[in-house]
């Protein structure tokens, strides 16, 4: 399936969950992130998500299905208890090295930044 067609399905899933089910949801490509109150029925919400995916002909990657106050989304650690978003240590080290290298240069072309 082409990326453009897949993106249309992701947009449809997002629209259904946000408009029909009133979810507070975000997505990037095929990664979805939803926020619910602490007392929410996660099993029921997960069934709704599974049902929407099934209706369109998809299944979720259960290994990426997380709930709780600390979740990982797009490589970021999101901690709702501490109200923090963190990079894991390996990504933080990589980001610091990249910024340090940029600081030492007088100019840089756009290509290395992509």
N, C-alpha and C. Protein backbone atom coordinates (compact mmCIF):
# COMPACT_ATOMS: atom_id res chain seq x y z
N UNK A 1 0.85 -1.17 0.00
CA UNK A 1 0.00 0.00 0.00
C UNK A 1 0.90 1.24 0.00
N UNK A 2 0.59 2.20 -0.85
CA UNK A 2 1.42 3.40 -0.95
C UNK A 2 1.27 4.25 0.33
N UNK A 3 2.32 5.01 0.67
CA UNK A 3 2.25 5.85 1.87
C UNK A 3 1.08 6.85 1.82
N UNK A 4 0.78 7.35 0.64
CA UNK A 4 -0.30 8.32 0.52
C UNK A 4 -1.65 7.69 0.85
N UNK A 5 -1.89 6.49 0.35
CA UNK A 5 -3.14 5.79 0.64
C UNK A 5 -3.19 5.45 2.12
N UNK A 6 -2.07 4.97 2.67
CA UNK A 6 -2.04 4.61 4.09
C UNK A 6 -2.35 5.83 4.95
N UNK A 7 -1.82 7.01 4.56
CA UNK A 7 -2.07 8.23 5.31
C UNK A 7 -3.56 8.57 5.30
N UNK A 8 -4.25 8.30 4.20
CA UNK A 8 -5.69 8.54 4.15
C UNK A 8 -6.43 7.67 5.16
N UNK A 9 -6.00 6.43 5.30
CA UNK A 9 -6.62 5.54 6.30
C UNK A 9 -6.35 6.06 7.71
N UNK A 10 -5.12 6.52 7.96
CA UNK A 10 -4.79 7.08 9.28
C UNK A 10 -5.65 8.30 9.58
N UNK A 11 -5.85 9.15 8.58
CA UNK A 11 -6.70 10.33 8.76
C UNK A 11 -8.14 9.92 9.05
N UNK A 12 -8.61 8.87 8.38
CA UNK A 12 -9.97 8.38 8.62
C UNK A 12 -10.12 7.85 10.04
N UNK A 13 -9.14 7.08 10.49
CA UNK A 13 -9.17 6.54 11.85
C UNK A 13 -9.19 7.69 12.86
N UNK A 14 -8.33 8.66 12.64
CA UNK A 14 -8.26 9.83 13.52
C UNK A 14 -9.62 10.54 13.55
N UNK A 15 -10.20 10.78 12.39
CA UNK A 15 -11.48 11.49 12.31
C UNK A 15 -12.58 10.74 13.05
N UNK A 16 -12.65 9.43 12.85
CA UNK A 16 -13.68 8.61 13.52
C UNK A 16 -13.53 8.70 15.03
N UNK A 17 -12.32 8.51 15.53
CA UNK A 17 -12.10 8.52 16.98
C UNK A 17 -12.34 9.90 17.59
N UNK A 18 -11.95 10.94 16.88
CA UNK A 18 -12.11 12.28 17.41
C UNK A 18 -13.55 12.79 17.27
N UNK A 19 -14.14 12.60 16.10
CA UNK A 19 -15.46 13.16 15.83
C UNK A 19 -16.62 12.32 16.37
N UNK A 20 -16.52 11.04 16.22
CA UNK A 20 -17.62 10.17 16.64
C UNK A 20 -17.49 9.75 18.10
N UNK A 21 -16.27 9.38 18.50
CA UNK A 21 -16.07 8.89 19.87
C UNK A 21 -15.58 9.97 20.83
N UNK A 22 -15.31 11.18 20.32
CA UNK A 22 -14.91 12.34 21.13
C UNK A 22 -13.59 12.14 21.87
N UNK A 23 -12.66 11.44 21.24
CA UNK A 23 -11.35 11.23 21.84
C UNK A 23 -10.46 12.44 21.61
N UNK A 24 -9.55 12.67 22.54
CA UNK A 24 -8.46 13.62 22.36
C UNK A 24 -7.30 12.80 21.81
N UNK A 25 -7.09 12.88 20.51
CA UNK A 25 -6.16 11.97 19.86
C UNK A 25 -5.23 12.70 18.91
N UNK A 26 -4.03 12.20 18.79
CA UNK A 26 -3.02 12.73 17.88
C UNK A 26 -2.45 11.55 17.11
N UNK A 27 -2.00 11.81 15.90
CA UNK A 27 -1.31 10.74 15.18
C UNK A 27 -0.23 11.30 14.28
N UNK A 28 0.78 10.49 14.06
CA UNK A 28 1.83 10.78 13.11
C UNK A 28 2.00 9.52 12.29
N UNK A 29 1.69 9.60 11.02
CA UNK A 29 1.66 8.44 10.13
C UNK A 29 0.73 7.40 10.73
N UNK A 30 1.28 6.26 11.19
CA UNK A 30 0.42 5.21 11.74
C UNK A 30 0.55 5.05 13.25
N UNK A 31 1.14 6.03 13.92
CA UNK A 31 1.29 6.00 15.38
C UNK A 31 0.26 6.93 16.00
N UNK A 32 -0.61 6.36 16.83
CA UNK A 32 -1.69 7.12 17.46
C UNK A 32 -1.40 7.30 18.95
N UNK A 33 -1.80 8.45 19.47
CA UNK A 33 -1.62 8.78 20.88
C UNK A 33 -2.91 9.43 21.37
N UNK A 34 -3.54 8.82 22.36
CA UNK A 34 -4.79 9.35 22.90
C UNK A 34 -4.62 9.60 24.40
N UNK A 35 -5.29 10.61 24.90
CA UNK A 35 -5.22 10.98 26.31
C UNK A 35 -6.61 10.85 26.91
N UNK A 36 -6.69 10.17 28.07
CA UNK A 36 -7.96 9.93 28.75
C UNK A 36 -7.83 10.28 30.22
N UNK A 37 -8.95 10.54 30.89
CA UNK A 37 -8.91 10.79 32.34
C UNK A 37 -8.40 9.55 33.09
N UNK A 38 -7.90 9.77 34.29
CA UNK A 38 -7.33 8.68 35.09
C UNK A 38 -8.33 7.57 35.36
N UNK A 39 -9.61 7.87 35.46
CA UNK A 39 -10.62 6.86 35.79
C UNK A 39 -11.19 6.15 34.56
N UNK A 40 -10.63 6.41 33.39
CA UNK A 40 -11.18 5.84 32.14
C UNK A 40 -11.07 4.32 32.11
N UNK A 41 -12.00 3.68 31.42
CA UNK A 41 -12.02 2.23 31.22
C UNK A 41 -11.14 1.91 30.01
N UNK A 42 -9.86 1.62 30.27
CA UNK A 42 -8.92 1.41 29.18
C UNK A 42 -9.25 0.17 28.35
N UNK A 43 -9.79 -0.87 28.97
CA UNK A 43 -10.16 -2.06 28.22
C UNK A 43 -11.27 -1.73 27.22
N UNK A 44 -12.26 -0.96 27.67
CA UNK A 44 -13.34 -0.56 26.77
C UNK A 44 -12.85 0.34 25.65
N UNK A 45 -11.97 1.28 26.00
CA UNK A 45 -11.41 2.19 24.99
C UNK A 45 -10.56 1.43 23.98
N UNK A 46 -9.83 0.46 24.46
CA UNK A 46 -9.01 -0.37 23.57
C UNK A 46 -9.90 -1.16 22.60
N UNK A 47 -11.04 -1.63 23.10
CA UNK A 47 -11.99 -2.35 22.24
C UNK A 47 -12.56 -1.43 21.16
N UNK A 48 -12.83 -0.17 21.52
CA UNK A 48 -13.32 0.80 20.54
C UNK A 48 -12.27 0.99 19.45
N UNK A 49 -11.03 1.19 19.85
CA UNK A 49 -9.94 1.39 18.90
C UNK A 49 -9.80 0.18 17.98
N UNK A 50 -9.80 -1.02 18.59
CA UNK A 50 -9.71 -2.25 17.80
C UNK A 50 -10.86 -2.37 16.82
N UNK A 51 -12.06 -1.98 17.25
CA UNK A 51 -13.23 -2.05 16.39
C UNK A 51 -13.14 -1.11 15.19
N UNK A 52 -12.66 0.10 15.44
CA UNK A 52 -12.50 1.07 14.35
C UNK A 52 -11.47 0.54 13.35
N UNK A 53 -10.35 0.02 13.86
CA UNK A 53 -9.34 -0.54 12.97
C UNK A 53 -9.89 -1.71 12.17
N UNK A 54 -10.62 -2.60 12.83
CA UNK A 54 -11.18 -3.78 12.16
C UNK A 54 -12.16 -3.37 11.06
N UNK A 55 -12.95 -2.34 11.33
CA UNK A 55 -13.92 -1.85 10.34
C UNK A 55 -13.23 -1.41 9.06
N UNK A 56 -12.02 -0.86 9.20
CA UNK A 56 -11.27 -0.37 8.05
C UNK A 56 -10.36 -1.46 7.46
N UNK A 57 -10.17 -2.54 8.21
CA UNK A 57 -9.36 -3.65 7.71
C UNK A 57 -7.94 -3.67 8.24
N UNK A 58 -7.71 -3.05 9.40
CA UNK A 58 -6.39 -3.03 10.02
C UNK A 58 -6.44 -3.69 11.39
N UNK A 59 -5.27 -4.03 11.90
CA UNK A 59 -5.12 -4.49 13.29
C UNK A 59 -4.01 -3.66 13.93
N UNK A 60 -4.08 -3.48 15.24
CA UNK A 60 -3.05 -2.68 15.90
C UNK A 60 -1.85 -3.55 16.23
N UNK A 61 -0.73 -2.89 16.39
CA UNK A 61 0.49 -3.55 16.84
C UNK A 61 0.41 -3.62 18.36
N UNK A 62 0.00 -4.76 18.89
CA UNK A 62 -0.26 -4.88 20.32
C UNK A 62 0.98 -4.60 21.17
N UNK A 63 2.18 -4.79 20.61
CA UNK A 63 3.39 -4.50 21.38
C UNK A 63 3.58 -3.00 21.60
N UNK A 64 2.86 -2.17 20.85
CA UNK A 64 2.95 -0.73 21.05
C UNK A 64 1.77 -0.18 21.85
N UNK A 65 0.88 -1.04 22.26
CA UNK A 65 -0.31 -0.64 23.01
C UNK A 65 0.06 -0.44 24.47
N UNK A 66 0.08 0.81 24.93
CA UNK A 66 0.48 1.11 26.30
C UNK A 66 -0.58 1.94 27.00
N UNK A 67 -0.65 1.77 28.29
CA UNK A 67 -1.49 2.64 29.11
C UNK A 67 -0.74 2.89 30.41
N UNK A 68 -1.12 3.92 31.08
CA UNK A 68 -0.47 4.26 32.34
C UNK A 68 0.00 5.69 32.33
N UNK A 69 0.79 6.05 33.33
CA UNK A 69 1.25 7.42 33.46
C UNK A 69 2.61 7.64 32.82
N UNK A 70 3.26 6.58 32.35
CA UNK A 70 4.52 6.69 31.63
C UNK A 70 4.41 5.83 30.38
N UNK A 71 4.37 6.50 29.23
CA UNK A 71 4.26 5.78 27.95
C UNK A 71 5.32 6.32 27.00
N UNK A 72 5.65 5.52 26.00
CA UNK A 72 6.60 5.93 24.97
C UNK A 72 5.82 6.11 23.68
N UNK A 73 5.98 7.28 23.08
CA UNK A 73 5.33 7.58 21.80
C UNK A 73 6.32 8.31 20.91
N UNK A 74 6.56 7.76 19.73
CA UNK A 74 7.51 8.32 18.77
C UNK A 74 8.89 8.51 19.38
N UNK A 75 9.27 7.62 20.29
CA UNK A 75 10.58 7.68 20.92
C UNK A 75 10.68 8.60 22.12
N UNK A 76 9.61 9.31 22.45
CA UNK A 76 9.60 10.19 23.62
C UNK A 76 8.96 9.47 24.79
N UNK A 77 9.51 9.66 25.99
CA UNK A 77 8.92 9.13 27.21
C UNK A 77 8.00 10.22 27.76
N UNK A 78 6.71 9.92 27.81
CA UNK A 78 5.72 10.89 28.28
C UNK A 78 5.29 10.47 29.67
N UNK A 79 5.57 11.31 30.66
CA UNK A 79 5.29 11.02 32.07
C UNK A 79 4.24 12.01 32.57
N UNK A 80 3.00 11.56 32.70
CA UNK A 80 1.93 12.47 33.13
C UNK A 80 1.95 12.73 34.64
N UNK A 81 2.61 11.89 35.42
CA UNK A 81 2.75 12.17 36.85
C UNK A 81 3.66 13.37 37.08
N UNK A 82 4.81 13.38 36.41
CA UNK A 82 5.77 14.46 36.56
C UNK A 82 5.53 15.60 35.57
N UNK A 83 4.56 15.40 34.65
CA UNK A 83 4.28 16.38 33.60
C UNK A 83 5.56 16.71 32.82
N UNK A 84 6.24 15.63 32.37
CA UNK A 84 7.48 15.76 31.63
C UNK A 84 7.44 14.92 30.37
N UNK A 85 8.16 15.38 29.37
CA UNK A 85 8.43 14.58 28.18
C UNK A 85 9.94 14.50 28.08
N UNK A 86 10.46 13.27 28.01
CA UNK A 86 11.90 13.05 28.02
C UNK A 86 12.32 12.22 26.82
N UNK A 87 13.59 12.39 26.45
CA UNK A 87 14.21 11.50 25.48
C UNK A 87 14.89 10.38 26.24
N UNK A 88 14.85 9.15 25.72
CA UNK A 88 15.63 8.09 26.36
C UNK A 88 17.12 8.45 26.31
N UNK A 89 17.92 7.91 27.22
CA UNK A 89 19.34 8.29 27.31
C UNK A 89 20.11 8.21 25.99
N UNK A 90 19.89 7.16 25.19
CA UNK A 90 20.64 7.03 23.94
C UNK A 90 20.27 8.14 22.95
N UNK A 91 19.01 8.50 22.88
CA UNK A 91 18.58 9.58 21.98
C UNK A 91 19.02 10.94 22.50
N UNK A 92 19.03 11.11 23.81
CA UNK A 92 19.49 12.37 24.40
C UNK A 92 20.97 12.58 24.09
N UNK A 93 21.77 11.54 24.25
CA UNK A 93 23.20 11.62 23.93
C UNK A 93 23.42 11.99 22.48
N UNK A 94 22.66 11.36 21.60
CA UNK A 94 22.77 11.65 20.16
C UNK A 94 22.38 13.10 19.87
N UNK A 95 21.32 13.59 20.48
CA UNK A 95 20.88 14.97 20.27
C UNK A 95 21.91 15.96 20.78
N UNK A 96 22.50 15.69 21.93
CA UNK A 96 23.52 16.59 22.50
C UNK A 96 24.75 16.63 21.59
N UNK A 97 25.17 15.48 21.07
CA UNK A 97 26.31 15.44 20.15
C UNK A 97 26.02 16.25 18.89
N UNK A 98 24.81 16.11 18.35
CA UNK A 98 24.45 16.84 17.13
C UNK A 98 24.44 18.34 17.37
N UNK A 99 23.88 18.78 18.49
CA UNK A 99 23.83 20.22 18.80
C UNK A 99 25.23 20.76 19.05
N UNK A 100 26.06 20.00 19.76
CA UNK A 100 27.44 20.42 20.02
C UNK A 100 28.20 20.58 18.72
N UNK A 101 28.01 19.66 17.79
CA UNK A 101 28.68 19.74 16.49
C UNK A 101 28.18 20.98 15.72
N UNK A 102 26.90 21.25 15.77
CA UNK A 102 26.35 22.42 15.08
C UNK A 102 26.90 23.72 15.66
N UNK A 103 27.05 23.76 16.99
CA UNK A 103 27.53 24.98 17.64
C UNK A 103 28.95 25.34 17.22
N UNK A 104 29.74 24.33 16.84
CA UNK A 104 31.14 24.58 16.50
C UNK A 104 31.34 24.99 15.04
N UNK A 105 30.27 24.98 14.25
CA UNK A 105 30.39 25.30 12.83
C UNK A 105 29.89 26.72 12.56
N UNK A 106 30.52 27.37 11.59
CA UNK A 106 30.12 28.71 11.21
C UNK A 106 28.87 28.68 10.32
N UNK A 107 28.73 27.62 9.53
CA UNK A 107 27.55 27.47 8.68
C UNK A 107 27.33 25.99 8.41
N UNK A 108 26.14 25.67 7.96
CA UNK A 108 25.82 24.28 7.65
C UNK A 108 24.77 24.29 6.55
N UNK A 109 24.85 23.33 5.65
CA UNK A 109 23.82 23.24 4.60
C UNK A 109 22.57 22.57 5.19
N UNK A 110 21.50 22.67 4.48
CA UNK A 110 20.24 22.12 4.98
C UNK A 110 20.23 20.60 4.98
N UNK A 111 20.94 19.97 4.07
CA UNK A 111 20.91 18.52 3.91
C UNK A 111 21.21 17.75 5.20
N UNK A 112 22.26 18.10 5.97
CA UNK A 112 22.50 17.33 7.21
C UNK A 112 21.42 17.47 8.25
N UNK A 113 20.59 18.47 8.13
CA UNK A 113 19.53 18.69 9.12
C UNK A 113 18.29 17.86 8.84
N UNK A 114 18.21 17.27 7.66
CA UNK A 114 17.01 16.51 7.29
C UNK A 114 17.08 15.07 7.72
